[in-house]
PDB file of N, CA and C in Angstrom:
ATOM      1  N   MET A   1      84.617  69.759  71.590  1.00  0.00           N
ATOM      2  CA  MET A   1      85.339  69.981  72.821  1.00  0.00           C
ATOM      3  C   MET A   1      85.776  71.453  72.877  1.00  0.00           C
ATOM      4  N   GLY A   2      85.779  71.967  74.125  1.00  0.00           N
ATOM      5  CA  GLY A   2      86.159  73.334  74.352  1.00  0.00           C
ATOM      6  C   GLY A   2      87.667  73.481  74.466  1.00  0.00           C
ATOM      7  N   LYS A   3      88.121  74.678  74.336  1.00  0.00           N
ATOM      8  CA  LYS A   3      89.553  74.901  74.448  1.00  0.00           C
ATOM      9  C   LYS A   3      90.015  74.827  75.941  1.00  0.00           C
ATOM     10  N   THR A   4      91.180  74.322  76.104  1.00  0.00           N
ATOM     11  CA  THR A   4      91.708  74.295  77.466  1.00  0.00           C
ATOM     12  C   THR A   4      92.826  75.324  77.520  1.00  0.00           C
ATOM     13  N   PHE A   5      92.891  76.052  78.560  1.00  0.00           N
ATOM     14  CA  PHE A   5      93.859  77.121  78.718  1.00  0.00           C
ATOM     15  C   PHE A   5      94.828  76.748  79.839  1.00  0.00           C
ATOM     16  N   ALA A   6      96.087  76.970  79.613  1.00  0.00           N
ATOM     17  CA  ALA A   6      97.059  76.752  80.676  1.00  0.00           C
ATOM     18  C   ALA A   6      96.953  77.792  81.712  1.00  0.00           C
ATOM     19  N   SER A   7      97.276  77.451  82.975  1.00  0.00           N
ATOM     20  CA  SER A   7      97.238  78.433  84.013  1.00  0.00           C
ATOM     21  C   SER A   7      98.352  79.456  83.748  1.00  0.00           C
ATOM     22  N   PRO A   8      98.150  80.718  84.243  1.00  0.00           N
ATOM     23  CA  PRO A   8      99.212  81.715  83.980  1.00  0.00           C
ATOM     24  C   PRO A   8     100.527  81.301  84.612  1.00  0.00           C
ATOM     25  N   ARG A   9     101.605  81.668  83.955  1.00  0.00           N
ATOM     26  CA  ARG A   9     102.921  81.433  84.459  1.00  0.00           C
ATOM     27  C   ARG A   9     103.758  82.744  84.384  1.00  0.00           C
ATOM     28  N   CYS A  10     104.386  83.033  85.480  1.00  0.00           N
ATOM     29  CA  CYS A  10     105.179  84.231  85.561  1.00  0.00           C
ATOM     30  C   CYS A  10     106.521  84.060  84.755  1.00  0.00           C
ATOM     31  N   ASN A  11     106.834  85.063  83.940  1.00  0.00           N
ATOM     32  CA  ASN A  11     108.054  85.059  83.165  1.00  0.00           C
ATOM     33  C   ASN A  11     109.313  85.210  84.005  1.00  0.00           C
ATOM     34  N   HIS A  12     109.111  85.666  85.261  1.00  0.00           N
ATOM     35  CA  HIS A  12     110.311  85.905  86.147  1.00  0.00           C
ATOM     36  C   HIS A  12     110.520  84.769  87.093  1.00  0.00           C
ATOM     37  N   CYS A  13     109.497  84.301  87.787  1.00  0.00           N
ATOM     38  CA  CYS A  13     109.721  83.303  88.838  1.00  0.00           C
ATOM     39  C   CYS A  13     109.019  81.974  88.572  1.00  0.00           C
ATOM     40  N   ALA A  14     108.259  81.901  87.469  1.00  0.00           N
ATOM     41  CA  ALA A  14     107.550  80.726  87.038  1.00  0.00           C
ATOM     42  C   ALA A  14     106.396  80.379  88.013  1.00  0.00           C
ATOM     43  N   GLY A  15     105.961  81.338  88.841  1.00  0.00           N
ATOM     44  CA  GLY A  15     104.918  81.166  89.716  1.00  0.00           C
ATOM     45  C   GLY A  15     103.588  81.141  89.013  1.00  0.00           C
ATOM     46  N   PRO A  16     102.456  80.733  89.684  1.00  0.00           N
ATOM     47  CA  PRO A  16     101.133  80.679  89.057  1.00  0.00           C
ATOM     48  C   PRO A  16     100.458  82.025  88.941  1.00  0.00           C
ATOM     49  N   HIS A  17     101.099  83.008  88.409  1.00  0.00           N
ATOM     50  CA  HIS A  17     100.567  84.362  88.228  1.00  0.00           C
ATOM     51  C   HIS A  17     101.280  85.011  87.061  1.00  0.00           C
ATOM     52  N   ARG A  18     100.744  86.120  86.599  1.00  0.00           N
ATOM     53  CA  ARG A  18     101.366  86.911  85.561  1.00  0.00           C
ATOM     54  C   ARG A  18     102.398  87.861  86.170  1.00  0.00           C
ATOM     55  N   ILE A  19     103.364  88.241  85.361  1.00  0.00           N
ATOM     56  CA  ILE A  19     104.466  89.042  85.885  1.00  0.00           C
ATOM     57  C   ILE A  19     104.035  90.353  86.554  1.00  0.00           C
ATOM     58  N   PRO A  20     102.897  91.021  86.125  1.00  0.00           N
ATOM     59  CA  PRO A  20     102.530  92.301  86.847  1.00  0.00           C
ATOM     60  C   PRO A  20     102.156  91.979  88.325  1.00  0.00           C
ATOM     61  N   ASN A  21     101.815  90.786  88.650  1.00  0.00           N
ATOM     62  CA  ASN A  21     101.427  90.418  90.005  1.00  0.00           C
ATOM     63  C   ASN A  21     102.515  89.760  90.775  1.00  0.00           C
ATOM     64  N   CYS A  22     103.694  89.699  90.255  1.00  0.00           N
ATOM     65  CA  CYS A  22     104.911  89.016  90.872  1.00  0.00           C
ATOM     66  C   CYS A  22     105.551  89.894  91.920  1.00  0.00           C
ATOM     67  N   GLU A  23     105.607  89.361  93.114  1.00  0.00           N
ATOM     68  CA  GLU A  23     106.266  90.115  94.208  1.00  0.00           C
ATOM     69  C   GLU A  23     107.750  90.274  93.985  1.00  0.00           C
ATOM     70  N   ARG A  24     108.330  89.309  93.358  1.00  0.00           N
ATOM     71  CA  ARG A  24     109.803  89.453  93.082  1.00  0.00           C
ATOM     72  C   ARG A  24     110.086  90.471  91.996  1.00  0.00           C
ATOM     73  N   PHE A  25     109.172  90.556  91.002  1.00  0.00           N
ATOM     74  CA  PHE A  25     109.276  91.575  89.974  1.00  0.00           C
ATOM     75  C   PHE A  25     109.084  92.964  90.597  1.00  0.00           C
ATOM     76  N   GLU A  26     108.142  93.103  91.488  1.00  0.00           N
ATOM     77  CA  GLU A  26     107.844  94.337  92.247  1.00  0.00           C
ATOM     78  C   GLU A  26     109.104  94.805  93.055  1.00  0.00           C
ATOM     79  N   ALA A  27     109.880  93.874  93.574  1.00  0.00           N
ATOM     80  CA  ALA A  27     111.020  94.181  94.401  1.00  0.00           C
ATOM     81  C   ALA A  27     112.220  94.718  93.605  1.00  0.00           C
ATOM     82  N   MET A  28     112.163  94.550  92.263  1.00  0.00           N
ATOM     83  CA  MET A  28     113.277  94.994  91.416  1.00  0.00           C
ATOM     84  C   MET A  28     113.206  96.511  91.160  1.00  0.00           C
ATOM     85  N   SER A  29     114.374  97.077  90.788  1.00  0.00           N
ATOM     86  CA  SER A  29     114.327  98.479  90.394  1.00  0.00           C
ATOM     87  C   SER A  29     113.626  98.602  89.020  1.00  0.00           C
ATOM     88  N   ILE A  30     113.314  99.791  88.703  1.00  0.00           N
ATOM     89  CA  ILE A  30     112.620 100.084  87.385  1.00  0.00           C
ATOM     90  C   ILE A  30     113.573  99.601  86.259  1.00  0.00           C
ATOM     91  N   LYS A  31     114.805  99.912  86.349  1.00  0.00           N
ATOM     92  CA  LYS A  31     115.755  99.514  85.320  1.00  0.00           C
ATOM     93  C   LYS A  31     115.897  97.990  85.203  1.00  0.00           C
ATOM     94  N   GLU A  32     115.891  97.273  86.342  1.00  0.00           N
ATOM     95  CA  GLU A  32     115.971  95.818  86.338  1.00  0.00           C
ATOM     96  C   GLU A  32     114.707  95.257  85.715  1.00  0.00           C
ATOM     97  N   ARG A  33     113.520  95.856  86.008  1.00  0.00           N
ATOM     98  CA  ARG A  33     112.267  95.421  85.405  1.00  0.00           C
ATOM     99  C   ARG A  33     112.306  95.623  83.864  1.00  0.00           C
ATOM    100  N   GLN A  34     112.767  96.782  83.428  1.00  0.00           N
ATOM    101  CA  GLN A  34     112.798  97.069  81.977  1.00  0.00           C
ATOM    102  C   GLN A  34     113.730  96.081  81.317  1.00  0.00           C
ATOM    103  N   ASP A  35     114.863  95.820  81.888  1.00  0.00           N
ATOM    104  CA  ASP A  35     115.808  94.833  81.315  1.00  0.00           C
ATOM    105  C   ASP A  35     115.168  93.455  81.212  1.00  0.00           C
ATOM    106  N   LEU A  36     114.498  93.051  82.250  1.00  0.00           N
ATOM    107  CA  LEU A  36     113.853  91.719  82.250  1.00  0.00           C
ATOM    108  C   LEU A  36     112.774  91.687  81.176  1.00  0.00           C
ATOM    109  N   VAL A  37     111.987  92.739  81.039  1.00  0.00           N
ATOM    110  CA  VAL A  37     110.925  92.757  80.001  1.00  0.00           C
ATOM    111  C   VAL A  37     111.551  92.687  78.602  1.00  0.00           C
ATOM    112  N   GLU A  38     112.602  93.446  78.389  1.00  0.00           N
ATOM    113  CA  GLU A  38     113.324  93.382  77.103  1.00  0.00           C
ATOM    114  C   GLU A  38     113.915  92.014  76.844  1.00  0.00           C
ATOM    115  N   LYS A  39     114.592  91.450  77.835  1.00  0.00           N
ATOM    116  CA  LYS A  39     115.222  90.139  77.666  1.00  0.00           C
ATOM    117  C   LYS A  39     114.218  89.030  77.326  1.00  0.00           C
ATOM    118  N   ASN A  40     113.033  89.097  77.966  1.00  0.00           N
ATOM    119  CA  ASN A  40     111.986  88.144  77.715  1.00  0.00           C
ATOM    120  C   ASN A  40     111.085  88.455  76.557  1.00  0.00           C
ATOM    121  N   ARG A  41     111.449  89.592  75.856  1.00  0.00           N
ATOM    122  CA  ARG A  41     110.661  90.031  74.676  1.00  0.00           C
ATOM    123  C   ARG A  41     109.180  90.170  74.988  1.00  0.00           C
ATOM    124  N   LEU A  42     108.898  90.832  76.106  1.00  0.00           N
ATOM    125  CA  LEU A  42     107.477  91.150  76.491  1.00  0.00           C
ATOM    126  C   LEU A  42     107.120  92.469  76.009  1.00  0.00           C
ATOM    127  N   CYS A  43     105.848  92.709  75.898  1.00  0.00           N
ATOM    128  CA  CYS A  43     105.306  94.008  75.489  1.00  0.00           C
ATOM    129  C   CYS A  43     105.566  94.967  76.681  1.00  0.00           C
ATOM    130  N   PHE A  44     106.163  96.131  76.398  1.00  0.00           N
ATOM    131  CA  PHE A  44     106.409  97.111  77.464  1.00  0.00           C
ATOM    132  C   PHE A  44     105.094  97.726  78.011  1.00  0.00           C
ATOM    133  N   ASN A  45     103.978  97.547  77.272  1.00  0.00           N
ATOM    134  CA  ASN A  45     102.734  98.140  77.759  1.00  0.00           C
ATOM    135  C   ASN A  45     101.873  97.247  78.646  1.00  0.00           C
ATOM    136  N   CYS A  46     101.799  95.946  78.265  1.00  0.00           N
ATOM    137  CA  CYS A  46     100.946  95.022  79.069  1.00  0.00           C
ATOM    138  C   CYS A  46     101.781  93.955  79.734  1.00  0.00           C
ATOM    139  N   LEU A  47     103.062  93.806  79.409  1.00  0.00           N
ATOM    140  CA  LEU A  47     103.928  92.811  80.029  1.00  0.00           C
ATOM    141  C   LEU A  47     103.591  91.391  79.571  1.00  0.00           C
ATOM    142  N   TYR A  48     102.921  91.212  78.455  1.00  0.00           N
ATOM    143  CA  TYR A  48     102.597  89.906  77.909  1.00  0.00           C
ATOM    144  C   TYR A  48     103.533  89.648  76.729  1.00  0.00           C
ATOM    145  N   TYR A  49     103.670  88.342  76.410  1.00  0.00           N
ATOM    146  CA  TYR A  49     104.526  87.904  75.290  1.00  0.00           C
ATOM    147  C   TYR A  49     103.631  87.846  74.038  1.00  0.00           C
ATOM    148  N   GLY A  50     104.228  88.065  72.887  1.00  0.00           N
ATOM    149  CA  GLY A  50     103.527  87.802  71.639  1.00  0.00           C
ATOM    150  C   GLY A  50     103.179  88.965  70.776  1.00  0.00           C
ATOM    151  N   HIS A  51     103.483  90.172  71.228  1.00  0.00           N
ATOM    152  CA  HIS A  51     103.272  91.367  70.404  1.00  0.00           C
ATOM    153  C   HIS A  51     104.155  92.504  70.875  1.00  0.00           C
ATOM    154  N   ARG A  52     104.296  93.494  70.048  1.00  0.00           N
ATOM    155  CA  ARG A  52     105.032  94.710  70.438  1.00  0.00           C
ATOM    156  C   ARG A  52     104.098  95.747  70.986  1.00  0.00           C
ATOM    157  N   VAL A  53     104.667  96.780  71.598  1.00  0.00           N
ATOM    158  CA  VAL A  53     103.872  97.869  72.208  1.00  0.00           C
ATOM    159  C   VAL A  53     102.994  98.577  71.169  1.00  0.00           C
ATOM    160  N   ASP A  54     103.501  98.702  69.937  1.00  0.00           N
ATOM    161  CA  ASP A  54     102.703  99.450  68.959  1.00  0.00           C
ATOM    162  C   ASP A  54     101.441  98.644  68.521  1.00  0.00           C
ATOM    163  N   LYS A  55     101.384  97.366  68.789  1.00  0.00           N
ATOM    164  CA  LYS A  55     100.195  96.582  68.501  1.00  0.00           C
ATOM    165  C   LYS A  55      99.377  96.258  69.746  1.00  0.00           C
ATOM    166  N   CYS A  56      99.730  96.784  70.885  1.00  0.00           N
ATOM    167  CA  CYS A  56      99.063  96.464  72.149  1.00  0.00           C
ATOM    168  C   CYS A  56      97.754  97.202  72.314  1.00  0.00           C
ATOM    169  N   ARG A  57      96.685  96.461  72.787  1.00  0.00           N
ATOM    170  CA  ARG A  57      95.419  97.055  73.028  1.00  0.00           C
ATOM    171  C   ARG A  57      95.163  97.370  74.475  1.00  0.00           C
ATOM    172  N   PHE A  58      96.164  97.088  75.284  1.00  0.00           N
ATOM    173  CA  PHE A  58      96.038  97.386  76.756  1.00  0.00           C
ATOM    174  C   PHE A  58      96.085  98.889  76.979  1.00  0.00           C
ATOM    175  N   PRO A  59      95.398  99.412  77.990  1.00  0.00           N
ATOM    176  CA  PRO A  59      95.466 100.872  78.229  1.00  0.00           C
ATOM    177  C   PRO A  59      96.871 101.299  78.577  1.00  0.00           C
ATOM    178  N   GLN A  60      97.201 102.508  78.252  1.00  0.00           N
ATOM    179  CA  GLN A  60      98.543 103.079  78.577  1.00  0.00           C
ATOM    180  C   GLN A  60      98.681 103.314  80.054  1.00  0.00           C
ATOM    181  N   CYS A  61      99.887 103.769  80.458  1.00  0.00           N
ATOM    182  CA  CYS A  61     100.212 104.009  81.854  1.00  0.00           C
ATOM    183  C   CYS A  61      99.216 104.947  82.512  1.00  0.00           C
ATOM    184  N   SER A  62      98.662 104.538  83.628  1.00  0.00           N
ATOM    185  CA  SER A  62      97.674 105.401  84.343  1.00  0.00           C
ATOM    186  C   SER A  62      98.361 106.610  85.039  1.00  0.00           C
ATOM    187  N   LYS A  63      99.656 106.590  85.124  1.00  0.00           N
ATOM    188  CA  LYS A  63     100.348 107.702  85.810  1.00  0.00           C
ATOM    189  C   LYS A  63     100.707 108.817  84.867  1.00  0.00           C
ATOM    190  N   CYS A  64     101.001 108.500  83.605  1.00  0.00           N
ATOM    191  CA  CYS A  64     101.485 109.536  82.667  1.00  0.00           C
ATOM    192  C   CYS A  64     100.813 109.419  81.314  1.00  0.00           C
ATOM    193  N   GLY A  65     100.074 108.395  81.010  1.00  0.00           N
ATOM    194  CA  GLY A  65      99.416 108.290  79.711  1.00  0.00           C
ATOM    195  C   GLY A  65     100.315 107.817  78.584  1.00  0.00           C
ATOM    196  N   LYS A  66     101.549 107.441  78.844  1.00  0.00           N
ATOM    197  CA  LYS A  66     102.461 106.988  77.790  1.00  0.00           C
ATOM    198  C   LYS A  66     102.305 105.462  77.658  1.00  0.00           C
ATOM    199  N   ARG A  67     102.839 104.887  76.570  1.00  0.00           N
ATOM    200  CA  ARG A  67     102.689 103.496  76.234  1.00  0.00           C
ATOM    201  C   ARG A  67     103.711 102.593  76.930  1.00  0.00           C
ATOM    202  N   HIS A  68     103.601 102.499  78.221  1.00  0.00           N
ATOM    203  CA  HIS A  68     104.360 101.497  79.014  1.00  0.00           C
ATOM    204  C   HIS A  68     103.480 101.173  80.219  1.00  0.00           C
ATOM    205  N   HIS A  69     103.811  99.995  80.825  1.00  0.00           N
ATOM    206  CA  HIS A  69     103.131  99.514  82.004  1.00  0.00           C
ATOM    207  C   HIS A  69     103.461 100.421  83.155  1.00  0.00           C
ATOM    208  N   GLU A  70     102.501 100.608  84.053  1.00  0.00           N
ATOM    209  CA  GLU A  70     102.743 101.497  85.223  1.00  0.00           C
ATOM    210  C   GLU A  70     103.906 100.998  86.088  1.00  0.00           C
ATOM    211  N   LYS A  71     104.235  99.684  86.041  1.00  0.00           N
ATOM    212  CA  LYS A  71     105.289  99.147  86.829  1.00  0.00           C
ATOM    213  C   LYS A  71     106.680  99.384  86.169  1.00  0.00           C
ATOM    214  N   LEU A  72     106.638 100.016  84.996  1.00  0.00           N
ATOM    215  CA  LEU A  72     107.850 100.434  84.330  1.00  0.00           C
ATOM    216  C   LEU A  72     107.947 101.972  84.267  1.00  0.00           C
ATOM    217  N   HIS A  73     106.994 102.659  84.881  1.00  0.00           N
ATOM    218  CA  HIS A  73     106.957 104.079  84.913  1.00  0.00           C
ATOM    219  C   HIS A  73     108.019 104.684  85.831  1.00  0.00           C
ATOM    220  N   THR A  74     108.609 105.773  85.364  1.00  0.00           N
ATOM    221  CA  THR A  74     109.595 106.532  86.129  1.00  0.00           C
ATOM    222  C   THR A  74     109.127 107.990  86.332  1.00  0.00           C
ATOM    223  N   ASP A  75     109.428 108.572  87.453  1.00  0.00           N
ATOM    224  CA  ASP A  75     109.064 109.945  87.707  1.00  0.00           C
ATOM    225  C   ASP A  75     110.199 110.892  87.266  1.00  0.00           C
ATOM    226  N   GLY A  76     110.501 110.951  86.091  1.00  0.00           N
ATOM    227  CA  GLY A  76     111.607 111.774  85.598  1.00  0.00           C
ATOM    228  C   GLY A  76     112.253 111.239  84.363  1.00  0.00           C
ATOM    229  N   ASP A  77     113.341 111.840  84.015  1.00  0.00           N
ATOM    230  CA  ASP A  77     114.045 111.468  82.802  1.00  0.00           C
ATOM    231  C   ASP A  77     114.901 110.222  82.967  1.00  0.00           C
ATOM    232  N   SER A  78     115.312 109.982  84.172  1.00  0.00           N
ATOM    233  CA  SER A  78     116.239 108.878  84.431  1.00  0.00           C
ATOM    234  C   SER A  78     115.512 107.544  84.454  1.00  0.00           C
ATOM    235  N   VAL A  79     115.942 106.607  83.615  1.00  0.00           N
ATOM    236  CA  VAL A  79     115.405 105.293  83.588  1.00  0.00           C
ATOM    237  C   VAL A  79     115.930 104.436  84.786  1.00  0.00           C
ATOM    238  N   ASP A  80     117.151 104.751  85.178  1.00  0.00           N
ATOM    239  CA  ASP A  80     117.833 103.974  86.234  1.00  0.00           C
ATOM    240  C   ASP A  80     117.464 104.504  87.597  1.00  0.00           C
ATOM    241  N   GLN A  81     116.156 104.541  87.944  1.00  0.00           N
ATOM    242  CA  GLN A  81     115.757 105.103  89.238  1.00  0.00           C
ATOM    243  C   GLN A  81     115.147 103.966  90.062  1.00  0.00           C
ATOM    244  N   PRO A  82     116.030 103.292  90.858  1.00  0.00           N
ATOM    245  CA  PRO A  82     115.547 102.144  91.626  1.00  0.00           C
ATOM    246  C   PRO A  82     114.588 102.598  92.741  1.00  0.00           C
ATOM    247  N   SER A  83     113.857 101.574  93.196  1.00  0.00           N
ATOM    248  CA  SER A  83     113.010 101.827  94.393  1.00  0.00           C
ATOM    249  C   SER A  83     113.898 102.217  95.534  1.00  0.00           C
ATOM    250  N   THR A  84     113.348 103.009  96.439  1.00  0.00           N
ATOM    251  CA  THR A  84     114.198 103.377  97.597  1.00  0.00           C
ATOM    252  C   THR A  84     114.550 102.160  98.393  1.00  0.00           C
ATOM    253  N   GLU A  85     115.698 102.202  99.038  1.00  0.00           N
ATOM    254  CA  GLU A  85     116.202 101.079  99.804  1.00  0.00           C
ATOM    255  C   GLU A  85     115.187 100.535 100.887  1.00  0.00           C
ATOM    256  N   PRO A  86     114.607 101.464 101.656  1.00  0.00           N
ATOM    257  CA  PRO A  86     113.574 100.959 102.686  1.00  0.00           C
ATOM    258  C   PRO A  86     112.443 100.279 102.000  1.00  0.00           C
ATOM    259  N   GLU A  87     111.966 100.700 100.840  1.00  0.00           N
ATOM    260  CA  GLU A  87     110.867 100.084 100.152  1.00  0.00           C
ATOM    261  C   GLU A  87     111.319  98.676  99.684  1.00  0.00           C
ATOM    262  N   ARG A  88     112.515  98.616  99.181  1.00  0.00           N
ATOM    263  CA  ARG A  88     112.979  97.307  98.679  1.00  0.00           C
ATOM    264  C   ARG A  88     113.143  96.313  99.761  1.00  0.00           C
ATOM    265  N   VAL A  89     113.618  96.754 100.896  1.00  0.00           N
ATOM    266  CA  VAL A  89     113.819  95.842 102.079  1.00  0.00           C
ATOM    267  C   VAL A  89     112.504  95.269 102.534  1.00  0.00           C
ATOM    268  N   VAL A  90     111.467  96.160 102.642  1.00  0.00           N
ATOM    269  CA  VAL A  90     110.119  95.717 103.121  1.00  0.00           C
ATOM    270  C   VAL A  90     109.542  94.808 102.073  1.00  0.00           C
ATOM    271  N   THR A  91     109.651  95.152 100.767  1.00  0.00           N
ATOM    272  CA  THR A  91     109.093  94.295  99.732  1.00  0.00           C
ATOM    273  C   THR A  91     109.809  92.935  99.714  1.00  0.00           C
ATOM    274  N   LEU A  92     111.137  92.917  99.889  1.00  0.00           N
ATOM    275  CA  LEU A  92     111.868  91.672  99.895  1.00  0.00           C
ATOM    276  C   LEU A  92     111.403  90.831 101.109  1.00  0.00           C
ATOM    277  N   ALA A  93     111.178  91.453 102.266  1.00  0.00           N
ATOM    278  CA  ALA A  93     110.708  90.741 103.432  1.00  0.00           C
ATOM    279  C   ALA A  93     109.360  90.129 103.144  1.00  0.00           C
ATOM    280  N   LYS A  94     108.492  90.829 102.403  1.00  0.00           N
ATOM    281  CA  LYS A  94     107.140  90.279 102.099  1.00  0.00           C
ATOM    282  C   LYS A  94     107.323  89.021 101.146  1.00  0.00           C
ATOM    283  N   VAL A  95     108.213  89.142 100.196  1.00  0.00           N
ATOM    284  CA  VAL A  95     108.461  88.030  99.293  1.00  0.00           C
ATOM    285  C   VAL A  95     108.998  86.809 100.057  1.00  0.00           C
ATOM    286  N   LEU A  96     109.970  87.025 100.942  1.00  0.00           N
ATOM    287  CA  LEU A  96     110.467  85.895 101.721  1.00  0.00           C
ATOM    288  C   LEU A  96     109.485  85.300 102.624  1.00  0.00           C
ATOM    289  N   THR A  97     108.655  86.139 103.244  1.00  0.00           N
ATOM    290  CA  THR A  97     107.599  85.624 104.138  1.00  0.00           C
ATOM    291  C   THR A  97     106.602  84.846 103.366  1.00  0.00           C
ATOM    292  N   SER A  98     106.178  85.384 102.137  1.00  0.00           N
ATOM    293  CA  SER A  98     105.181  84.706 101.393  1.00  0.00           C
ATOM    294  C   SER A  98     105.625  83.317 100.840  1.00  0.00           C
ATOM    295  N   GLN A  99     106.963  83.177 100.749  1.00  0.00           N
ATOM    296  CA  GLN A  99     107.555  81.926 100.285  1.00  0.00           C
ATOM    297  C   GLN A  99     107.799  80.970 101.450  1.00  0.00           C
ATOM    298  N   ASN A 100     107.439  81.360 102.686  1.00  0.00           N
ATOM    299  CA  ASN A 100     107.603  80.559 103.897  1.00  0.00           C
ATOM    300  C   ASN A 100     109.095  80.241 104.116  1.00  0.00           C
ATOM    301  N   ASN A 101     109.955  81.192 103.749  1.00  0.00           N
ATOM    302  CA  ASN A 101     111.404  81.073 104.049  1.00  0.00           C
ATOM    303  C   ASN A 101     111.739  81.673 105.409  1.00  0.00           C
ATOM    304  N   ILE A 102     112.624  81.090 106.094  1.00  0.00           N
ATOM    305  CA  ILE A 102     113.095  81.624 107.365  1.00  0.00           C
ATOM    306  C   ILE A 102     114.577  81.978 107.178  1.00  0.00           C
ATOM    307  N   ILE A 103     114.851  83.232 107.433  1.00  0.00           N
ATOM    308  CA  ILE A 103     116.251  83.673 107.298  1.00  0.00           C
ATOM    309  C   ILE A 103     116.746  84.251 108.554  1.00  0.00           C
ATOM    310  N   SER A 104     117.833  83.703 109.050  1.00  0.00           N
ATOM    311  CA  SER A 104     118.305  84.111 110.390  1.00  0.00           C
ATOM    312  C   SER A 104     118.942  85.533 110.371  1.00  0.00           C
ATOM    313  N   ILE A 105     119.327  86.041 109.185  1.00  0.00           N
ATOM    314  CA  ILE A 105     119.917  87.392 109.183  1.00  0.00           C
ATOM    315  C   ILE A 105     118.905  88.529 109.243  1.00  0.00           C
ATOM    316  N   VAL A 106     117.615  88.185 109.143  1.00  0.00           N
ATOM    317  CA  VAL A 106     116.581  89.206 109.194  1.00  0.00           C
ATOM    318  C   VAL A 106     116.730  90.005 110.520  1.00  0.00           C
ATOM    319  N   LYS A 107     117.091  89.412 111.568  1.00  0.00           N
ATOM    320  CA  LYS A 107     117.220  90.153 112.858  1.00  0.00           C
ATOM    321  C   LYS A 107     118.324  91.223 112.760  1.00  0.00           C
ATOM    322  N   ASN A 108     119.184  91.147 111.772  1.00  0.00           N
ATOM    323  CA  ASN A 108     120.265  92.099 111.636  1.00  0.00           C
ATOM    324  C   ASN A 108     119.875  93.233 110.683  1.00  0.00           C
ATOM    325  N   LEU A 109     118.742  93.195 110.003  1.00  0.00           N
ATOM    326  CA  LEU A 109     118.342  94.218 109.087  1.00  0.00           C
ATOM    327  C   LEU A 109     117.657  95.354 109.736  1.00  0.00           C
ATOM    328  N   ASP A 110     117.874  96.539 109.258  1.00  0.00           N
ATOM    329  CA  ASP A 110     117.070  97.719 109.664  1.00  0.00           C
ATOM    330  C   ASP A 110     115.867  97.792 108.668  1.00  0.00           C
ATOM    331  N   ILE A 111     114.660  97.713 109.130  1.00  0.00           N
ATOM    332  CA  ILE A 111     113.513  97.721 108.280  1.00  0.00           C
ATOM    333  C   ILE A 111     112.770  99.033 108.582  1.00  0.00           C
ATOM    334  N   TYR A 112     112.574  99.837 107.512  1.00  0.00           N
ATOM    335  CA  TYR A 112     111.900 101.108 107.611  1.00  0.00           C
ATOM    336  C   TYR A 112     110.487 100.975 107.031  1.00  0.00           C
ATOM    337  N   ILE A 113     109.533 101.517 107.702  1.00  0.00           N
ATOM    338  CA  ILE A 113     108.175 101.417 107.235  1.00  0.00           C
ATOM    339  C   ILE A 113     107.626 102.887 107.099  1.00  0.00           C
TER     340      ILE A 113
END
């Protein structure tokens, strides 16, 4: 008999995808993402469970060449550099839309594109 593999599960929202493809993870600030990765004991380089970054075989960050996932990359020394507010609002709107949620307060938000 062949091996059976479980479908991927997101460590953040439990959706049928891995955390690098999670829209809710994407909507978080870099600091919030880093905290979530640390809390769930995921590898900072590939965002998978089961090993540390020094044992990871995944390629390093495509933006800087360091050993962290590009979704944890910051453009500077500050780790606490959240996404800009307009980007977060648009990303949050995409998440809510993809979940088929209807929110009446959306008409009161200023959305920048």
